[in-house]
Amino acid sequence: MLHIFYLTFEGFTVHYHHLSIKTSDIFKAIAFYEALGFVIETRFTTGITLACWMTGANTRLELMQVPEPQVTVNGFEAENYVGYYHLSFQVENLEIYLQELVAQLGKLKLLLPPRTQEIGDRIYSVAFIADPDGLPIELISPH
């Protein structure tokens, strides 16, 4: 079930709808996000490209295939990069979740191995993986 978050401003209600990710191979991207627990809500075309909405983790993702993808700056490694940085998903047990992803996907690109991080008064286990196009995905688990 998708929970819609909203805010009201001067009599207008604004609802969160989706986050869009452009991908070089929509079928690889779908398989990756399905392994994270997302399911396809609907498939469609936009102009000449394939697209779909996927729901999971109380959010909606839009995947759009780029007909002629080009390599751009790596936002995870470039310290001065401004723009999309990462998606973050909370999991119960980081180590077990990573093992399950490897079992489902066969391999997994690890950008940052699991480590402990203190944020405010909480301690978390944190790791970063990459989706099929190299976009950073943070996995976080509270201690």
C-alpha atoms as a PDB file:
ATOM      1  CA  MET A   1       0.000   0.000   0.000  1.00  0.00           C
ATOM      2  CA  LEU A   2       1.319   3.413  -0.979  1.00  0.00           C
ATOM      3  CA  HIS A   3       0.956   6.089   1.701  1.00  0.00           C
ATOM      4  CA  ILE A   4       0.659   9.512   0.084  1.00  0.00           C
ATOM      5  CA  PHE A   5       2.355  12.355   1.916  1.00  0.00           C
ATOM      6  CA  TYR A   6       1.013  15.851   1.436  1.00  0.00           C
ATOM      7  CA  LEU A   7       1.225  19.408   2.657  1.00  0.00           C
ATOM      8  CA  THR A   8      -1.231  22.256   2.514  1.00  0.00           C
ATOM      9  CA  PHE A   9      -0.105  25.735   1.537  1.00  0.00           C
ATOM     10  CA  GLU A  10      -2.462  28.723   1.269  1.00  0.00           C
ATOM     11  CA  GLY A  11      -5.466  26.505   0.567  1.00  0.00           C
ATOM     12  CA  PHE A  12      -3.678  24.292  -1.974  1.00  0.00           C
ATOM     13  CA  THR A  13      -2.849  20.680  -1.198  1.00  0.00           C
ATOM     14  CA  VAL A  14       0.384  19.291  -2.637  1.00  0.00           C
ATOM     15  CA  HIS A  15       0.867  15.519  -2.740  1.00  0.00           C
ATOM     16  CA  TYR A  16       4.120  13.666  -3.211  1.00  0.00           C
ATOM     17  CA  HIS A  17       3.729  11.570  -6.363  1.00  0.00           C
ATOM     18  CA  HIS A  18       6.975   9.939  -7.530  1.00  0.00           C
ATOM     19  CA  LEU A  19      10.734  10.068  -7.986  1.00  0.00           C
ATOM     20  CA  SER A  20      11.929   9.567 -11.564  1.00  0.00           C
ATOM     21  CA  ILE A  21      15.089   7.688 -12.530  1.00  0.00           C
ATOM     22  CA  LYS A  22      16.432   7.606 -16.074  1.00  0.00           C
ATOM     23  CA  THR A  23      18.009   4.254 -16.912  1.00  0.00           C
ATOM     24  CA  SER A  24      20.056   2.804 -19.772  1.00  0.00           C
ATOM     25  CA  ASP A  25      18.265  -0.576 -19.523  1.00  0.00           C
ATOM     26  CA  ILE A  26      14.759  -0.542 -18.078  1.00  0.00           C
ATOM     27  CA  PHE A  27      14.612  -4.337 -17.806  1.00  0.00           C
ATOM     28  CA  LYS A  28      17.792  -4.521 -15.664  1.00  0.00           C
ATOM     29  CA  ALA A  29      16.506  -1.599 -13.575  1.00  0.00           C
ATOM     30  CA  ILE A  30      13.128  -3.285 -13.049  1.00  0.00           C
ATOM     31  CA  ALA A  31      14.832  -6.508 -11.897  1.00  0.00           C
ATOM     32  CA  PHE A  32      17.052  -4.542  -9.499  1.00  0.00           C
ATOM     33  CA  TYR A  33      14.221  -2.567  -7.911  1.00  0.00           C
ATOM     34  CA  GLU A  34      12.054  -5.702  -7.726  1.00  0.00           C
ATOM     35  CA  ALA A  35      14.865  -7.285  -5.681  1.00  0.00           C
ATOM     36  CA  LEU A  36      14.591  -4.272  -3.345  1.00  0.00           C
ATOM     37  CA  GLY A  37      10.887  -5.072  -2.906  1.00  0.00           C
ATOM     38  CA  PHE A  38       9.262  -2.784  -5.486  1.00  0.00           C
ATOM     39  CA  VAL A  39       6.467  -4.013  -7.751  1.00  0.00           C
ATOM     40  CA  ILE A  40       5.362  -2.682 -11.126  1.00  0.00           C
ATOM     41  CA  GLU A  41       2.274  -0.529 -10.827  1.00  0.00           C
ATOM     42  CA  THR A  42       1.948   0.267 -14.531  1.00  0.00           C
ATOM     43  CA  ARG A  43       3.995   0.247 -17.737  1.00  0.00           C
ATOM     44  CA  PHE A  44       3.731   3.004 -20.349  1.00  0.00           C
ATOM     45  CA  THR A  45       5.623   4.882 -23.023  1.00  0.00           C
ATOM     46  CA  THR A  46       6.626   8.503 -22.922  1.00  0.00           C
ATOM     47  CA  GLY A  47       7.487   9.788 -26.368  1.00  0.00           C
ATOM     48  CA  ILE A  48       9.649   7.052 -27.890  1.00  0.00           C
ATOM     49  CA  THR A  49      10.860   5.534 -24.639  1.00  0.00           C
ATOM     50  CA  LEU A  50       9.690   2.763 -22.314  1.00  0.00           C
ATOM     51  CA  ALA A  51       8.702   3.691 -18.776  1.00  0.00           C
ATOM     52  CA  CYS A  52       6.984   2.297 -15.704  1.00  0.00           C
ATOM     53  CA  TRP A  53       5.871   3.209 -12.224  1.00  0.00           C
ATOM     54  CA  MET A  54       6.949   0.931  -9.392  1.00  0.00           C
ATOM     55  CA  THR A  55       5.709   1.066  -5.811  1.00  0.00           C
ATOM     56  CA  GLY A  56       7.386  -0.071  -2.613  1.00  0.00           C
ATOM     57  CA  ALA A  57       8.878   1.283   0.607  1.00  0.00           C
ATOM     58  CA  ASN A  58       5.961   3.737   0.844  1.00  0.00           C
ATOM     59  CA  THR A  59       7.025   5.500  -2.351  1.00  0.00           C
ATOM     60  CA  ARG A  60       6.620   5.410  -6.110  1.00  0.00           C
ATOM     61  CA  LEU A  61       9.515   5.293  -8.567  1.00  0.00           C
ATOM     62  CA  GLU A  62       9.274   6.113 -12.238  1.00  0.00           C
ATOM     63  CA  LEU A  63      11.825   4.349 -14.407  1.00  0.00           C
ATOM     64  CA  MET A  64      12.433   5.804 -17.874  1.00  0.00           C
ATOM     65  CA  GLN A  65      14.713   4.199 -20.437  1.00  0.00           C
ATOM     66  CA  VAL A  66      17.121   6.619 -22.129  1.00  0.00           C
ATOM     67  CA  PRO A  67      17.394   5.712 -25.831  1.00  0.00           C
ATOM     68  CA  GLU A  68      21.011   6.927 -26.182  1.00  0.00           C
ATOM     69  CA  PRO A  69      22.533   7.035 -22.676  1.00  0.00           C
ATOM     70  CA  GLN A  70      25.644   9.098 -22.005  1.00  0.00           C
ATOM     71  CA  VAL A  71      28.023   8.801 -19.083  1.00  0.00           C
ATOM     72  CA  THR A  72      27.861  11.786 -16.723  1.00  0.00           C
ATOM     73  CA  VAL A  73      29.636  12.836 -13.545  1.00  0.00           C
ATOM     74  CA  ASN A  74      29.619  10.343 -10.666  1.00  0.00           C
ATOM     75  CA  GLY A  75      27.665  12.192  -7.949  1.00  0.00           C
ATOM     76  CA  PHE A  76      28.729   9.692  -5.278  1.00  0.00           C
ATOM     77  CA  GLU A  77      32.446  10.336  -5.766  1.00  0.00           C
ATOM     78  CA  ALA A  78      32.460  13.974  -6.967  1.00  0.00           C
ATOM     79  CA  GLU A  79      32.589  16.178  -3.858  1.00  0.00           C
ATOM     80  CA  ASN A  80      31.393  19.301  -5.722  1.00  0.00           C
ATOM     81  CA  TYR A  81      28.477  17.579  -7.473  1.00  0.00           C
ATOM     82  CA  VAL A  82      25.105  19.275  -6.969  1.00  0.00           C
ATOM     83  CA  GLY A  83      21.906  17.350  -7.671  1.00  0.00           C
ATOM     84  CA  TYR A  84      20.547  13.849  -7.089  1.00  0.00           C
ATOM     85  CA  TYR A  85      22.758  12.110  -4.527  1.00  0.00           C
ATOM     86  CA  HIS A  86      21.067   8.920  -3.392  1.00  0.00           C
ATOM     87  CA  LEU A  87      17.898   7.087  -2.438  1.00  0.00           C
ATOM     88  CA  SER A  88      17.843   5.643   1.075  1.00  0.00           C
ATOM     89  CA  PHE A  89      15.923   2.606   2.294  1.00  0.00           C
ATOM     90  CA  GLN A  90      15.718   1.430   5.897  1.00  0.00           C
ATOM     91  CA  VAL A  91      16.103  -2.330   6.388  1.00  0.00           C
ATOM     92  CA  GLU A  92      15.858  -4.476   9.521  1.00  0.00           C
ATOM     93  CA  ASN A  93      19.242  -6.222   9.311  1.00  0.00           C
ATOM     94  CA  LEU A  94      21.763  -4.761   6.875  1.00  0.00           C
ATOM     95  CA  GLU A  95      24.083  -7.791   6.621  1.00  0.00           C
ATOM     96  CA  ILE A  96      21.242 -10.257   6.000  1.00  0.00           C
ATOM     97  CA  TYR A  97      19.557  -7.902   3.525  1.00  0.00           C
ATOM     98  CA  LEU A  98      22.786  -7.543   1.511  1.00  0.00           C
ATOM     99  CA  GLN A  99      23.171 -11.348   1.438  1.00  0.00           C
ATOM    100  CA  GLU A 100      19.575 -11.715   0.189  1.00  0.00           C
ATOM    101  CA  LEU A 101      20.164  -9.128  -2.561  1.00  0.00           C
ATOM    102  CA  VAL A 102      23.286 -10.972  -3.747  1.00  0.00           C
ATOM    103  CA  ALA A 103      21.311 -14.240  -3.752  1.00  0.00           C
ATOM    104  CA  GLN A 104      18.549 -12.636  -5.869  1.00  0.00           C
ATOM    105  CA  LEU A 105      20.699 -10.564  -8.223  1.00  0.00           C
ATOM    106  CA  GLY A 106      23.799 -12.762  -8.484  1.00  0.00           C
ATOM    107  CA  LYS A 107      26.126  -9.816  -7.922  1.00  0.00           C
ATOM    108  CA  LEU A 108      25.941  -6.425  -6.319  1.00  0.00           C
ATOM    109  CA  LYS A 109      28.140  -3.355  -6.738  1.00  0.00           C
ATOM    110  CA  LEU A 110      29.103  -2.166  -3.271  1.00  0.00           C
ATOM    111  CA  LEU A 111      30.010   1.549  -3.233  1.00  0.00           C
ATOM    112  CA  LEU A 112      30.582   1.716   0.526  1.00  0.00           C
ATOM    113  CA  PRO A 113      30.887  -1.425   2.657  1.00  0.00           C
ATOM    114  CA  PRO A 114      28.711  -1.650   5.783  1.00  0.00           C
ATOM    115  CA  ARG A 115      29.895   0.612   8.569  1.00  0.00           C
ATOM    116  CA  THR A 116      28.551   2.087  11.772  1.00  0.00           C
ATOM    117  CA  GLN A 117      27.489   5.717  11.744  1.00  0.00           C
ATOM    118  CA  GLU A 118      26.267   7.947  14.540  1.00  0.00           C
ATOM    119  CA  ILE A 119      23.534  10.374  13.501  1.00  0.00           C
ATOM    120  CA  GLY A 120      22.247  12.534  16.335  1.00  0.00           C
ATOM    121  CA  ASP A 121      21.746  10.253  19.331  1.00  0.00           C
ATOM    122  CA  ARG A 122      21.224   7.097  17.190  1.00  0.00           C
ATOM    123  CA  ILE A 123      23.644   4.485  15.867  1.00  0.00           C
ATOM    124  CA  TYR A 124      23.046   3.001  12.401  1.00  0.00           C
ATOM    125  CA  SER A 125      24.612   0.415  10.129  1.00  0.00           C
ATOM    126  CA  VAL A 126      24.991   2.026   6.701  1.00  0.00           C
ATOM    127  CA  ALA A 127      26.076   0.732   3.283  1.00  0.00           C
ATOM    128  CA  PHE A 128      25.832   2.074  -0.256  1.00  0.00           C
ATOM    129  CA  ILE A 129      25.148  -0.087  -3.295  1.00  0.00           C
ATOM    130  CA  ALA A 130      24.693   0.874  -6.947  1.00  0.00           C
ATOM    131  CA  ASP A 131      21.696   0.226  -9.160  1.00  0.00           C
ATOM    132  CA  PRO A 132      22.376  -1.121 -12.699  1.00  0.00           C
ATOM    133  CA  ASP A 133      23.250   2.389 -13.924  1.00  0.00           C
ATOM    134  CA  GLY A 134      25.519   3.133 -10.970  1.00  0.00           C
ATOM    135  CA  LEU A 135      23.074   5.371  -9.074  1.00  0.00           C
ATOM    136  CA  PRO A 136      23.856   5.220  -5.344  1.00  0.00           C
ATOM    137  CA  ILE A 137      21.349   3.508  -3.042  1.00  0.00           C
ATOM    138  CA  GLU A 138      21.865   3.813   0.723  1.00  0.00           C
ATOM    139  CA  LEU A 139      20.744   0.958   2.940  1.00  0.00           C
ATOM    140  CA  ILE A 140      20.416   1.946   6.594  1.00  0.00           C
ATOM    141  CA  SER A 141      19.583  -0.125   9.647  1.00  0.00           C
ATOM    142  CA  PRO A 142      19.099   1.266  13.180  1.00  0.00           C
ATOM    143  CA  HIS A 143      20.915  -0.519  16.000  1.00  0.00           C
END
